[in-house]
Amino acid sequence: TGGLGDAAGFSFYPGKNLGAFGDGGAVTTN
């Protein structure tokens, strides 16, 4: 996931599988 469409939005909220120690996010695209 993250490379299946035109772009993807990720969250790094602490409870996520890849969680930060505060808020965070990322956009992935080709």
All heavy atoms as atom14 arrays in JSON, in Angstrom:
{
  "sequence": "TGGLGDAAGFSFYPGKNLGAFGDGGAVTTN",
  "atom14_mask": [
    [1, 1, 1, 1, 1, 1, 1, 0, 0, 0, 0, 0, 0, 0],
    [1, 1, 1, 1, 0, 0, 0, 0, 0, 0, 0, 0, 0, 0],
    [1, 1, 1, 1, 0, 0, 0, 0, 0, 0, 0, 0, 0, 0],
    [1, 1, 1, 1, 1, 1, 1, 1, 0, 0, 0, 0, 0, 0],
    [1, 1, 1, 1, 0, 0, 0, 0, 0, 0, 0, 0, 0, 0],
    [1, 1, 1, 1, 1, 1, 1, 1, 0, 0, 0, 0, 0, 0],
    [1, 1, 1, 1, 1, 0, 0, 0, 0, 0, 0, 0, 0, 0],
    [1, 1, 1, 1, 1, 0, 0, 0, 0, 0, 0, 0, 0, 0],
    [1, 1, 1, 1, 0, 0, 0, 0, 0, 0, 0, 0, 0, 0],
    [1, 1, 1, 1, 1, 1, 1, 1, 1, 1, 1, 0, 0, 0],
    [1, 1, 1, 1, 1, 1, 0, 0, 0, 0, 0, 0, 0, 0],
    [1, 1, 1, 1, 1, 1, 1, 1, 1, 1, 1, 0, 0, 0],
    [1, 1, 1, 1, 1, 1, 1, 1, 1, 1, 1, 1, 0, 0],
    [1, 1, 1, 1, 1, 1, 1, 0, 0, 0, 0, 0, 0, 0],
    [1, 1, 1, 1, 0, 0, 0, 0, 0, 0, 0, 0, 0, 0],
    [1, 1, 1, 1, 1, 1, 1, 1, 1, 0, 0, 0, 0, 0],
    [1, 1, 1, 1, 1, 1, 1, 1, 0, 0, 0, 0, 0, 0],
    [1, 1, 1, 1, 1, 1, 1, 1, 0, 0, 0, 0, 0, 0],
    [1, 1, 1, 1, 0, 0, 0, 0, 0, 0, 0, 0, 0, 0],
    [1, 1, 1, 1, 1, 0, 0, 0, 0, 0, 0, 0, 0, 0],
    [1, 1, 1, 1, 1, 1, 1, 1, 1, 1, 1, 0, 0, 0],
    [1, 1, 1, 1, 0, 0, 0, 0, 0, 0, 0, 0, 0, 0],
    [1, 1, 1, 1, 1, 1, 1, 1, 0, 0, 0, 0, 0, 0],
    [1, 1, 1, 1, 0, 0, 0, 0, 0, 0, 0, 0, 0, 0],
    [1, 1, 1, 1, 0, 0, 0, 0, 0, 0, 0, 0, 0, 0],
    [1, 1, 1, 1, 1, 0, 0, 0, 0, 0, 0, 0, 0, 0],
    [1, 1, 1, 1, 1, 1, 1, 0, 0, 0, 0, 0, 0, 0],
    [1, 1, 1, 1, 1, 1, 1, 0, 0, 0, 0, 0, 0, 0],
    [1, 1, 1, 1, 1, 1, 1, 0, 0, 0, 0, 0, 0, 0],
    [1, 1, 1, 1, 1, 1, 1, 1, 0, 0, 0, 0, 0, 0]
  ],
  "atom14_positions": [
    [[0.85, -1.18, 0.0], [0.0, 0.0, 0.0], [0.89, 1.24, 0.0], [2.03, 1.21, 0.46], [-0.91, 0.02, 1.24], [-0.09, -0.1, 2.42], [-1.91, -1.12, 1.21], [0.0, 0.0, 0.0], [0.0, 0.0, 0.0], [0.0, 0.0, 0.0], [0.0, 0.0, 0.0], [0.0, 0.0, 0.0], [0.0, 0.0, 0.0], [0.0, 0.0, 0.0]],
    [[0.36, 2.32, -0.54], [1.15, 3.55, -0.66], [1.63, 3.77, -2.07], [2.0, 4.89, -2.43], [0.0, 0.0, 0.0], [0.0, 0.0, 0.0], [0.0, 0.0, 0.0], [0.0, 0.0, 0.0], [0.0, 0.0, 0.0], [0.0, 0.0, 0.0], [0.0, 0.0, 0.0], [0.0, 0.0, 0.0], [0.0, 0.0, 0.0], [0.0, 0.0, 0.0]],
    [[1.59, 2.71, -2.89], [2.01, 2.84, -4.28], [1.01, 2.21, -5.23], [1.35, 1.89, -6.37], [0.0, 0.0, 0.0], [0.0, 0.0, 0.0], [0.0, 0.0, 0.0], [0.0, 0.0, 0.0], [0.0, 0.0, 0.0], [0.0, 0.0, 0.0], [0.0, 0.0, 0.0], [0.0, 0.0, 0.0], [0.0, 0.0, 0.0], [0.0, 0.0, 0.0]],
    [[-0.23, 2.07, -4.78], [-1.25, 1.38, -5.59], [-2.07, 2.34, -6.44], [-2.6, 1.95, -7.48], [-2.2, 0.59, -4.67], [-1.53, -0.49, -3.8], [-2.54, -1.07, -2.81], [-0.95, -1.59, -4.68], [0.0, 0.0, 0.0], [0.0, 0.0, 0.0], [0.0, 0.0, 0.0], [0.0, 0.0, 0.0], [0.0, 0.0, 0.0], [0.0, 0.0, 0.0]],
    [[-2.19, 3.59, -6.01], [-2.97, 4.58, -6.75], [-2.09, 5.73, -7.22], [-0.88, 5.58, -7.41], [0.0, 0.0, 0.0], [0.0, 0.0, 0.0], [0.0, 0.0, 0.0], [0.0, 0.0, 0.0], [0.0, 0.0, 0.0], [0.0, 0.0, 0.0], [0.0, 0.0, 0.0], [0.0, 0.0, 0.0], [0.0, 0.0, 0.0], [0.0, 0.0, 0.0]],
    [[-2.72, 6.89, -7.43], [-1.96, 8.07, -7.85], [-1.15, 8.67, -6.7], [-0.09, 9.26, -6.91], [-2.92, 9.13, -8.42], [-3.57, 8.67, -9.7], [-2.88, 8.62, -10.74], [-4.77, 8.32, -9.68], [0.0, 0.0, 0.0], [0.0, 0.0, 0.0], [0.0, 0.0, 0.0], [0.0, 0.0, 0.0], [0.0, 0.0, 0.0], [0.0, 0.0, 0.0]],
    [[-1.67, 8.52, -5.5], [-0.98, 9.01, -4.3], [-1.64, 8.37, -3.09], [-2.74, 7.83, -3.17], [-1.06, 10.53, -4.2], [0.0, 0.0, 0.0], [0.0, 0.0, 0.0], [0.0, 0.0, 0.0], [0.0, 0.0, 0.0], [0.0, 0.0, 0.0], [0.0, 0.0, 0.0], [0.0, 0.0, 0.0], [0.0, 0.0, 0.0], [0.0, 0.0, 0.0]],
    [[-0.93, 8.42, -1.96], [-1.47, 7.85, -0.73], [-1.16, 8.75, 0.45], [-0.12, 9.42, 0.48], [-0.89, 6.45, -0.48], [0.0, 0.0, 0.0], [0.0, 0.0, 0.0], [0.0, 0.0, 0.0], [0.0, 0.0, 0.0], [0.0, 0.0, 0.0], [0.0, 0.0, 0.0], [0.0, 0.0, 0.0], [0.0, 0.0, 0.0], [0.0, 0.0, 0.0]],
    [[-2.05, 8.75, 1.42], [-1.84, 9.5, 2.66], [-1.68, 8.54, 3.82], [-2.5, 7.65, 4.01], [0.0, 0.0, 0.0], [0.0, 0.0, 0.0], [0.0, 0.0, 0.0], [0.0, 0.0, 0.0], [0.0, 0.0, 0.0], [0.0, 0.0, 0.0], [0.0, 0.0, 0.0], [0.0, 0.0, 0.0], [0.0, 0.0, 0.0], [0.0, 0.0, 0.0]],
    [[-0.6, 8.71, 4.59], [-0.33, 7.89, 5.77], [-0.43, 8.74, 7.03], [-0.13, 9.94, 7.01], [1.08, 7.29, 5.71], [1.23, 6.13, 4.78], [1.59, 6.34, 3.45], [1.03, 4.83, 5.21], [1.75, 5.28, 2.58], [1.18, 3.75, 4.35], [1.54, 3.97, 3.03], [0.0, 0.0, 0.0], [0.0, 0.0, 0.0], [0.0, 0.0, 0.0]],
    [[-0.82, 8.1, 8.11], [-0.8, 8.73, 9.43], [0.25, 8.03, 10.28], [0.4, 6.81, 10.21], [-2.17, 8.6, 10.11], [-2.07, 8.94, 11.49], [0.0, 0.0, 0.0], [0.0, 0.0, 0.0], [0.0, 0.0, 0.0], [0.0, 0.0, 0.0], [0.0, 0.0, 0.0], [0.0, 0.0, 0.0], [0.0, 0.0, 0.0], [0.0, 0.0, 0.0]],
    [[0.96, 8.82, 11.11], [1.9, 8.25, 12.07], [1.43, 8.55, 13.5], [2.24, 8.68, 14.42], [3.31, 8.81, 11.85], [3.85, 8.54, 10.47], [4.39, 9.56, 9.7], [3.81, 7.26, 9.94], [4.89, 9.31, 8.43], [4.31, 7.0, 8.66], [4.85, 8.02, 7.91], [0.0, 0.0, 0.0], [0.0, 0.0, 0.0], [0.0, 0.0, 0.0]],
    [[0.12, 8.66, 13.66], [-0.46, 8.8, 15.01], [0.13, 7.7, 15.9], [0.38, 6.59, 15.43], [-1.98, 8.69, 14.91], [-2.72, 8.84, 16.2], [-2.92, 10.09, 16.77], [-3.24, 7.72, 16.86], [-3.62, 10.23, 17.96], [-3.94, 7.85, 18.05], [-4.12, 9.1, 18.6], [-4.81, 9.24, 19.78], [0.0, 0.0, 0.0], [0.0, 0.0, 0.0]],
    [[0.39, 7.97, 17.18], [1.12, 7.01, 18.02], [0.59, 5.58, 18.02], [1.36, 4.63, 18.16], [1.02, 7.63, 19.42], [0.96, 9.1, 19.16], [0.15, 9.24, 17.9], [0.0, 0.0, 0.0], [0.0, 0.0, 0.0], [0.0, 0.0, 0.0], [0.0, 0.0, 0.0], [0.0, 0.0, 0.0], [0.0, 0.0, 0.0], [0.0, 0.0, 0.0]],
    [[-0.73, 5.4, 17.86], [-1.29, 4.06, 17.91], [-1.19, 3.27, 16.62], [-1.55, 2.09, 16.57], [0.0, 0.0, 0.0], [0.0, 0.0, 0.0], [0.0, 0.0, 0.0], [0.0, 0.0, 0.0], [0.0, 0.0, 0.0], [0.0, 0.0, 0.0], [0.0, 0.0, 0.0], [0.0, 0.0, 0.0], [0.0, 0.0, 0.0], [0.0, 0.0, 0.0]],
    [[-0.67, 3.89, 15.56], [-0.58, 3.2, 14.26], [0.54, 2.15, 14.27], [1.42, 2.17, 15.12], [-0.33, 4.23, 13.15], [-1.46, 5.25, 12.98], [-2.74, 4.57, 12.51], [-3.76, 5.57, 11.99], [-4.59, 6.18, 13.02], [0.0, 0.0, 0.0], [0.0, 0.0, 0.0], [0.0, 0.0, 0.0], [0.0, 0.0, 0.0], [0.0, 0.0, 0.0]],
    [[0.51, 1.25, 13.28], [1.56, 0.23, 13.18], [2.95, 0.88, 13.12], [3.9, 0.37, 13.7], [1.35, -0.64, 11.95], [0.12, -1.51, 12.07], [-0.93, -1.08, 12.54], [0.23, -2.76, 11.63], [0.0, 0.0, 0.0], [0.0, 0.0, 0.0], [0.0, 0.0, 0.0], [0.0, 0.0, 0.0], [0.0, 0.0, 0.0], [0.0, 0.0, 0.0]],
    [[3.06, 1.97, 12.39], [4.26, 2.8, 12.42], [3.83, 4.13, 13.05], [3.34, 5.03, 12.37], [4.83, 3.02, 11.02], [6.1, 3.89, 10.95], [7.23, 3.27, 11.76], [6.53, 4.11, 9.51], [0.0, 0.0, 0.0], [0.0, 0.0, 0.0], [0.0, 0.0, 0.0], [0.0, 0.0, 0.0], [0.0, 0.0, 0.0], [0.0, 0.0, 0.0]],
    [[4.01, 4.22, 14.35], [3.52, 5.39, 15.07], [4.64, 6.27, 15.58], [5.69, 5.78, 16.04], [0.0, 0.0, 0.0], [0.0, 0.0, 0.0], [0.0, 0.0, 0.0], [0.0, 0.0, 0.0], [0.0, 0.0, 0.0], [0.0, 0.0, 0.0], [0.0, 0.0, 0.0], [0.0, 0.0, 0.0], [0.0, 0.0, 0.0], [0.0, 0.0, 0.0]],
    [[4.44, 7.57, 15.5], [5.4, 8.53, 16.04], [5.16, 8.71, 17.53], [4.33, 8.02, 18.13], [5.25, 9.87, 15.3], [0.0, 0.0, 0.0], [0.0, 0.0, 0.0], [0.0, 0.0, 0.0], [0.0, 0.0, 0.0], [0.0, 0.0, 0.0], [0.0, 0.0, 0.0], [0.0, 0.0, 0.0], [0.0, 0.0, 0.0], [0.0, 0.0, 0.0]],
    [[5.87, 9.64, 18.14], [5.67, 9.98, 19.55], [4.98, 11.34, 19.64], [5.35, 12.22, 20.41], [7.01, 9.96, 20.29], [7.57, 8.57, 20.42], [8.28, 7.99, 19.38], [7.36, 7.82, 21.56], [8.78, 6.7, 19.48], [7.84, 6.53, 21.68], [8.56, 5.97, 20.63], [0.0, 0.0, 0.0], [0.0, 0.0, 0.0], [0.0, 0.0, 0.0]],
    [[3.97, 11.47, 18.8], [3.19, 12.68, 18.62], [2.51, 12.54, 17.28], [2.41, 11.43, 16.75], [0.0, 0.0, 0.0], [0.0, 0.0, 0.0], [0.0, 0.0, 0.0], [0.0, 0.0, 0.0], [0.0, 0.0, 0.0], [0.0, 0.0, 0.0], [0.0, 0.0, 0.0], [0.0, 0.0, 0.0], [0.0, 0.0, 0.0], [0.0, 0.0, 0.0]],
    [[2.05, 13.62, 16.7], [1.41, 13.54, 15.4], [2.44, 13.52, 14.27], [3.56, 14.02, 14.42], [0.46, 14.72, 15.18], [-0.96, 14.41, 15.64], [-1.41, 13.27, 15.42], [-1.61, 15.31, 16.2], [0.0, 0.0, 0.0], [0.0, 0.0, 0.0], [0.0, 0.0, 0.0], [0.0, 0.0, 0.0], [0.0, 0.0, 0.0], [0.0, 0.0, 0.0]],
    [[2.03, 12.96, 13.15], [2.87, 12.94, 11.96], [2.12, 12.27, 10.83], [1.16, 11.54, 11.04], [0.0, 0.0, 0.0], [0.0, 0.0, 0.0], [0.0, 0.0, 0.0], [0.0, 0.0, 0.0], [0.0, 0.0, 0.0], [0.0, 0.0, 0.0], [0.0, 0.0, 0.0], [0.0, 0.0, 0.0], [0.0, 0.0, 0.0], [0.0, 0.0, 0.0]],
    [[2.56, 12.52, 9.6], [1.94, 11.91, 8.44], [2.87, 11.99, 7.25], [3.95, 12.59, 7.31], [0.0, 0.0, 0.0], [0.0, 0.0, 0.0], [0.0, 0.0, 0.0], [0.0, 0.0, 0.0], [0.0, 0.0, 0.0], [0.0, 0.0, 0.0], [0.0, 0.0, 0.0], [0.0, 0.0, 0.0], [0.0, 0.0, 0.0], [0.0, 0.0, 0.0]],
    [[2.44, 11.37, 6.14], [3.26, 11.41, 4.93], [2.4, 11.19, 3.7], [1.36, 10.53, 3.76], [4.37, 10.36, 4.97], [0.0, 0.0, 0.0], [0.0, 0.0, 0.0], [0.0, 0.0, 0.0], [0.0, 0.0, 0.0], [0.0, 0.0, 0.0], [0.0, 0.0, 0.0], [0.0, 0.0, 0.0], [0.0, 0.0, 0.0], [0.0, 0.0, 0.0]],
    [[2.85, 11.74, 2.6], [2.27, 11.5, 1.28], [3.27, 10.68, 0.49], [4.47, 11.0, 0.49], [1.99, 12.83, 0.55], [1.57, 12.57, -0.91], [0.91, 13.63, 1.28], [0.0, 0.0, 0.0], [0.0, 0.0, 0.0], [0.0, 0.0, 0.0], [0.0, 0.0, 0.0], [0.0, 0.0, 0.0], [0.0, 0.0, 0.0], [0.0, 0.0, 0.0]],
    [[2.79, 9.63, -0.18], [3.66, 8.85, -1.08], [3.06, 8.86, -2.48], [1.85, 8.84, -2.65], [3.82, 7.39, -0.59], [2.52, 6.78, -0.49], [4.52, 7.34, 0.75], [0.0, 0.0, 0.0], [0.0, 0.0, 0.0], [0.0, 0.0, 0.0], [0.0, 0.0, 0.0], [0.0, 0.0, 0.0], [0.0, 0.0, 0.0], [0.0, 0.0, 0.0]],
    [[3.95, 8.87, -3.48], [3.49, 8.92, -4.87], [4.65, 8.61, -5.8], [5.83, 8.71, -5.42], [2.9, 10.31, -5.21], [2.39, 10.32, -6.54], [3.95, 11.41, -5.06], [0.0, 0.0, 0.0], [0.0, 0.0, 0.0], [0.0, 0.0, 0.0], [0.0, 0.0, 0.0], [0.0, 0.0, 0.0], [0.0, 0.0, 0.0], [0.0, 0.0, 0.0]],
    [[4.32, 8.27, -7.04], [5.33, 8.12, -8.1], [5.31, 9.29, -9.07], [6.05, 9.3, -10.06], [5.09, 6.82, -8.87], [5.53, 5.6, -8.07], [6.66, 5.53, -7.59], [4.63, 4.63, -7.92], [0.0, 0.0, 0.0], [0.0, 0.0, 0.0], [0.0, 0.0, 0.0], [0.0, 0.0, 0.0], [0.0, 0.0, 0.0], [0.0, 0.0, 0.0]]
  ]
}
